[in-house]
C-alpha atoms as a PDB file:
ATOM      1  CA  UNK A   1      81.450 116.127 100.746  1.00  0.00           C
ATOM      2  CA  UNK A   2      80.149 114.289 103.803  1.00  0.00           C
ATOM      3  CA  UNK A   3      79.764 117.600 105.596  1.00  0.00           C
ATOM      4  CA  UNK A   4      77.429 118.603 102.772  1.00  0.00           C
ATOM      5  CA  UNK A   5      75.349 115.445 103.127  1.00  0.00           C
ATOM      6  CA  UNK A   6      76.814 113.808 100.012  1.00  0.00           C
ATOM      7  CA  UNK A   7      77.913 110.437 101.428  1.00  0.00           C
ATOM      8  CA  UNK A   8      77.563 108.594  98.120  1.00  0.00           C
ATOM      9  CA  UNK A   9      79.708 111.131  96.285  1.00  0.00           C
ATOM     10  CA  UNK A  10      82.275 111.081  99.095  1.00  0.00           C
ATOM     11  CA  UNK A  11      82.502 107.277  98.871  1.00  0.00           C
ATOM     12  CA  UNK A  12      82.778 107.481  95.088  1.00  0.00           C
ATOM     13  CA  UNK A  13      85.622 109.996  95.318  1.00  0.00           C
ATOM     14  CA  UNK A  14      87.450 107.756  97.788  1.00  0.00           C
ATOM     15  CA  UNK A  15      87.166 104.794  95.411  1.00  0.00           C
ATOM     16  CA  UNK A  16      88.325 106.874  92.436  1.00  0.00           C
ATOM     17  CA  UNK A  17      91.330 108.070  94.433  1.00  0.00           C
ATOM     18  CA  UNK A  18      92.192 104.498  95.451  1.00  0.00           C
ATOM     19  CA  UNK A  19      91.805 103.244  91.894  1.00  0.00           C
ATOM     20  CA  UNK A  20      94.031 106.009  90.491  1.00  0.00           C
ATOM     21  CA  UNK A  21      96.807 105.532  93.071  1.00  0.00           C
ATOM     22  CA  UNK A  22      96.581 101.800  93.830  1.00  0.00           C
ATOM     23  CA  UNK A  23     100.018 100.987  92.418  1.00  0.00           C
ATOM     24  CA  UNK A  24     101.914 103.521  94.504  1.00  0.00           C
ATOM     25  CA  UNK A  25     103.883 101.842  97.263  1.00  0.00           C
ATOM     26  CA  UNK A  26     102.941 103.068 100.754  1.00  0.00           C
ATOM     27  CA  UNK A  27     100.394 105.635  99.583  1.00  0.00           C
ATOM     28  CA  UNK A  28      97.675 104.151 101.809  1.00  0.00           C
ATOM     29  CA  UNK A  29      99.791 103.849 104.965  1.00  0.00           C
ATOM     30  CA  UNK A  30      98.076 106.464 107.123  1.00  0.00           C
ATOM     31  CA  UNK A  31     100.482 105.832 110.002  1.00  0.00           C
ATOM     32  CA  UNK A  32     103.303 107.340 107.936  1.00  0.00           C
ATOM     33  CA  UNK A  33     101.258 110.344 106.845  1.00  0.00           C
ATOM     34  CA  UNK A  34     102.400 113.444 108.783  1.00  0.00           C
ATOM     35  CA  UNK A  35      98.850 114.795 109.116  1.00  0.00           C
ATOM     36  CA  UNK A  36      97.166 111.495 109.973  1.00  0.00           C
ATOM     37  CA  UNK A  37      95.523 113.070 113.032  1.00  0.00           C
ATOM     38  CA  UNK A  38      93.557 115.292 110.645  1.00  0.00           C
ATOM     39  CA  UNK A  39      91.967 112.308 108.886  1.00  0.00           C
ATOM     40  CA  UNK A  40      88.693 111.587 110.634  1.00  0.00           C
ATOM     41  CA  UNK A  41      86.539 110.127 107.868  1.00  0.00           C
ATOM     42  CA  UNK A  42      85.882 106.527 108.934  1.00  0.00           C
ATOM     43  CA  UNK A  43      85.427 105.376 105.350  1.00  0.00           C
ATOM     44  CA  UNK A  44      88.803 106.838 104.291  1.00  0.00           C
ATOM     45  CA  UNK A  45      90.518 105.204 107.259  1.00  0.00           C
ATOM     46  CA  UNK A  46      88.824 101.840 106.634  1.00  0.00           C
ATOM     47  CA  UNK A  47      89.533 101.750 102.875  1.00  0.00           C
ATOM     48  CA  UNK A  48      93.117 102.942 103.283  1.00  0.00           C
ATOM     49  CA  UNK A  49      93.751 100.197 105.865  1.00  0.00           C
ATOM     50  CA  UNK A  50      92.311  97.606 103.460  1.00  0.00           C
ATOM     51  CA  UNK A  51      94.453  98.819 100.575  1.00  0.00           C
ATOM     52  CA  UNK A  52      97.568  99.091 102.735  1.00  0.00           C
ATOM     53  CA  UNK A  53      97.066  95.498 103.907  1.00  0.00           C
ATOM     54  CA  UNK A  54      96.551  94.368 100.319  1.00  0.00           C
ATOM     55  CA  UNK A  55      99.844  96.021  99.305  1.00  0.00           C
ATOM     56  CA  UNK A  56     101.735  94.444 102.194  1.00  0.00           C
ATOM     57  CA  UNK A  57     100.370  91.004 101.324  1.00  0.00           C
ATOM     58  CA  UNK A  58     101.123  91.292  97.600  1.00  0.00           C
ATOM     59  CA  UNK A  59     103.372  88.587  96.251  1.00  0.00           C
ATOM     60  CA  UNK A  60     104.509  88.882  92.657  1.00  0.00           C
ATOM     61  CA  UNK A  61     103.978  85.981  90.262  1.00  0.00           C
ATOM     62  CA  UNK A  62     107.765  85.685  89.971  1.00  0.00           C
ATOM     63  CA  UNK A  63     108.038  85.282  93.746  1.00  0.00           C
ATOM     64  CA  UNK A  64     105.336  82.610  93.696  1.00  0.00           C
ATOM     65  CA  UNK A  65     107.024  80.675  90.894  1.00  0.00           C
ATOM     66  CA  UNK A  66     110.408  80.913  92.614  1.00  0.00           C
ATOM     67  CA  UNK A  67     108.919  79.727  95.915  1.00  0.00           C
ATOM     68  CA  UNK A  68     107.519  76.596  94.220  1.00  0.00           C
ATOM     69  CA  UNK A  69     110.839  75.473  92.732  1.00  0.00           C
ATOM     70  CA  UNK A  70     111.859  72.186  94.341  1.00  0.00           C
ATOM     71  CA  UNK A  71     108.586  71.776  96.230  1.00  0.00           C
ATOM     72  CA  UNK A  72     105.886  69.180  95.760  1.00  0.00           C
ATOM     73  CA  UNK A  73     103.086  71.373  97.010  1.00  0.00           C
ATOM     74  CA  UNK A  74     101.469  74.764  96.693  1.00  0.00           C
ATOM     75  CA  UNK A  75      98.885  76.860  98.452  1.00  0.00           C
ATOM     76  CA  UNK A  76      95.528  77.960  97.123  1.00  0.00           C
ATOM     77  CA  UNK A  77      96.834  81.531  96.990  1.00  0.00           C
ATOM     78  CA  UNK A  78      99.716  80.326  94.771  1.00  0.00           C
ATOM     79  CA  UNK A  79      97.164  78.800  92.389  1.00  0.00           C
ATOM     80  CA  UNK A  80      95.027  81.964  92.459  1.00  0.00           C
ATOM     81  CA  UNK A  81      97.989  84.180  91.610  1.00  0.00           C
ATOM     82  CA  UNK A  82      99.335  81.956  88.825  1.00  0.00           C
ATOM     83  CA  UNK A  83      95.930  81.208  87.302  1.00  0.00           C
ATOM     84  CA  UNK A  84      95.282  84.939  86.992  1.00  0.00           C
ATOM     85  CA  UNK A  85      98.216  85.214  84.571  1.00  0.00           C
ATOM     86  CA  UNK A  86      97.553  85.389  80.853  1.00  0.00           C
ATOM     87  CA  UNK A  87      99.667  83.918  78.083  1.00  0.00           C
ATOM     88  CA  UNK A  88     101.154  87.398  77.638  1.00  0.00           C
ATOM     89  CA  UNK A  89     102.065  87.502  81.342  1.00  0.00           C
ATOM     90  CA  UNK A  90     103.886  84.156  81.130  1.00  0.00           C
ATOM     91  CA  UNK A  91     105.586  85.296  77.926  1.00  0.00           C
ATOM     92  CA  UNK A  92     106.807  88.432  79.697  1.00  0.00           C
ATOM     93  CA  UNK A  93     108.006  86.454  82.723  1.00  0.00           C
ATOM     94  CA  UNK A  94     109.846  83.844  80.651  1.00  0.00           C
ATOM     95  CA  UNK A  95     111.466  86.327  78.264  1.00  0.00           C
ATOM     96  CA  UNK A  96     112.529  88.711  81.014  1.00  0.00           C
ATOM     97  CA  UNK A  97     114.439  86.013  82.876  1.00  0.00           C
ATOM     98  CA  UNK A  98     117.808  84.508  82.177  1.00  0.00           C
ATOM     99  CA  UNK A  99     120.047  82.260  84.154  1.00  0.00           C
ATOM    100  CA  UNK A 100     119.941  78.813  85.635  1.00  0.00           C
ATOM    101  CA  UNK A 101     116.604  79.323  87.396  1.00  0.00           C
ATOM    102  CA  UNK A 102     114.604  79.799  84.173  1.00  0.00           C
ATOM    103  CA  UNK A 103     114.286  76.069  83.448  1.00  0.00           C
ATOM    104  CA  UNK A 104     113.035  75.445  86.977  1.00  0.00           C
ATOM    105  CA  UNK A 105     110.527  78.253  86.641  1.00  0.00           C
ATOM    106  CA  UNK A 106     109.168  76.828  83.389  1.00  0.00           C
ATOM    107  CA  UNK A 107     108.951  73.353  84.953  1.00  0.00           C
ATOM    108  CA  UNK A 108     106.975  74.770  87.881  1.00  0.00           C
ATOM    109  CA  UNK A 109     104.443  76.312  85.507  1.00  0.00           C
ATOM    110  CA  UNK A 110     104.109  73.192  83.373  1.00  0.00           C
ATOM    111  CA  UNK A 111     103.844  70.722  86.277  1.00  0.00           C
ATOM    112  CA  UNK A 112     100.098  71.217  86.638  1.00  0.00           C
ATOM    113  CA  UNK A 113      99.510  69.541  83.254  1.00  0.00           C
ATOM    114  CA  UNK A 114     100.884  66.315  84.747  1.00  0.00           C
ATOM    115  CA  UNK A 115      98.321  66.202  87.567  1.00  0.00           C
ATOM    116  CA  UNK A 116      95.672  63.548  86.952  1.00  0.00           C
ATOM    117  CA  UNK A 117      92.769  65.411  88.541  1.00  0.00           C
ATOM    118  CA  UNK A 118      93.990  68.960  87.962  1.00  0.00           C
ATOM    119  CA  UNK A 119      91.545  71.752  88.704  1.00  0.00           C
ATOM    120  CA  UNK A 120      90.497  74.165  85.970  1.00  0.00           C
ATOM    121  CA  UNK A 121      92.810  76.797  87.425  1.00  0.00           C
ATOM    122  CA  UNK A 122      95.759  74.405  87.457  1.00  0.00           C
ATOM    123  CA  UNK A 123      95.069  73.482  83.837  1.00  0.00           C
ATOM    124  CA  UNK A 124      94.861  77.182  82.975  1.00  0.00           C
ATOM    125  CA  UNK A 125      98.325  77.777  84.450  1.00  0.00           C
ATOM    126  CA  UNK A 126      99.926  75.045  82.340  1.00  0.00           C
ATOM    127  CA  UNK A 127      97.960  75.951  79.218  1.00  0.00           C
ATOM    128  CA  UNK A 128      98.895  79.634  79.369  1.00  0.00           C
ATOM    129  CA  UNK A 129     102.541  78.814  80.136  1.00  0.00           C
ATOM    130  CA  UNK A 130     102.599  76.357  77.223  1.00  0.00           C
ATOM    131  CA  UNK A 131     101.079  78.926  74.850  1.00  0.00           C
ATOM    132  CA  UNK A 132     103.756  81.412  75.921  1.00  0.00           C
ATOM    133  CA  UNK A 133     106.470  78.849  75.175  1.00  0.00           C
ATOM    134  CA  UNK A 134     104.958  78.146  71.749  1.00  0.00           C
ATOM    135  CA  UNK A 135     105.023  81.878  71.051  1.00  0.00           C
ATOM    136  CA  UNK A 136     108.658  82.047  72.143  1.00  0.00           C
ATOM    137  CA  UNK A 137     109.505  78.987  70.038  1.00  0.00           C
ATOM    138  CA  UNK A 138     108.001  80.529  66.915  1.00  0.00           C
ATOM    139  CA  UNK A 139     110.351  83.505  67.124  1.00  0.00           C
ATOM    140  CA  UNK A 140     113.389  81.632  65.825  1.00  0.00           C
ATOM    141  CA  UNK A 141     114.805  78.180  65.165  1.00  0.00           C
ATOM    142  CA  UNK A 142     117.067  78.594  68.177  1.00  0.00           C
ATOM    143  CA  UNK A 143     114.084  79.320  70.416  1.00  0.00           C
ATOM    144  CA  UNK A 144     112.226  76.368  68.887  1.00  0.00           C
ATOM    145  CA  UNK A 145     115.108  74.152  70.011  1.00  0.00           C
ATOM    146  CA  UNK A 146     115.132  75.760  73.438  1.00  0.00           C
ATOM    147  CA  UNK A 147     111.449  75.118  74.114  1.00  0.00           C
ATOM    148  CA  UNK A 148     111.625  71.576  72.701  1.00  0.00           C
ATOM    149  CA  UNK A 149     113.131  70.386  75.974  1.00  0.00           C
ATOM    150  CA  UNK A 150     109.726  71.095  77.566  1.00  0.00           C
ATOM    151  CA  UNK A 151     107.915  68.978  74.991  1.00  0.00           C
ATOM    152  CA  UNK A 152     106.953  71.962  72.836  1.00  0.00           C
ATOM    153  CA  UNK A 153     107.195  71.083  69.144  1.00  0.00           C
ATOM    154  CA  UNK A 154     107.328  73.936  66.660  1.00  0.00           C
ATOM    155  CA  UNK A 155     106.783  73.128  62.998  1.00  0.00           C
ATOM    156  CA  UNK A 156     109.513  74.108  60.535  1.00  0.00           C
ATOM    157  CA  UNK A 157     107.753  77.361  59.610  1.00  0.00           C
ATOM    158  CA  UNK A 158     110.239  79.332  61.749  1.00  0.00           C
END
């Protein structure tokens, strides 16, 4: 497209391609592409490098939560990742886990509610995690008992 003088369309096609394939591991690693010498579009090279870096730096919410267990601190990127999670995301995380670490994970997510001057993002983390626990607790009386240890009280309508 660039050869035809259509830079805007070429850039648009690049962005569409990236958007459609953004979840594919390694797709933007030009160094591992056998015909990388044939890629000479600077925009393609630049955007692929950006996306490849983004993929390499990706840390899952589960990894963030696990890394905070037993710590008294967190990074701004930890807060950004966890505050981007919805109630549904926390519900999925909590219900997909089992084992001894689950209680620690829940505690990590609820700890921000105990901070005196918590930021809006920290409050959002605890609020969304709490809403997920309420949802879990409403599923059965057993779950209501399970979430009660985190201070979640479910009325007897279960």
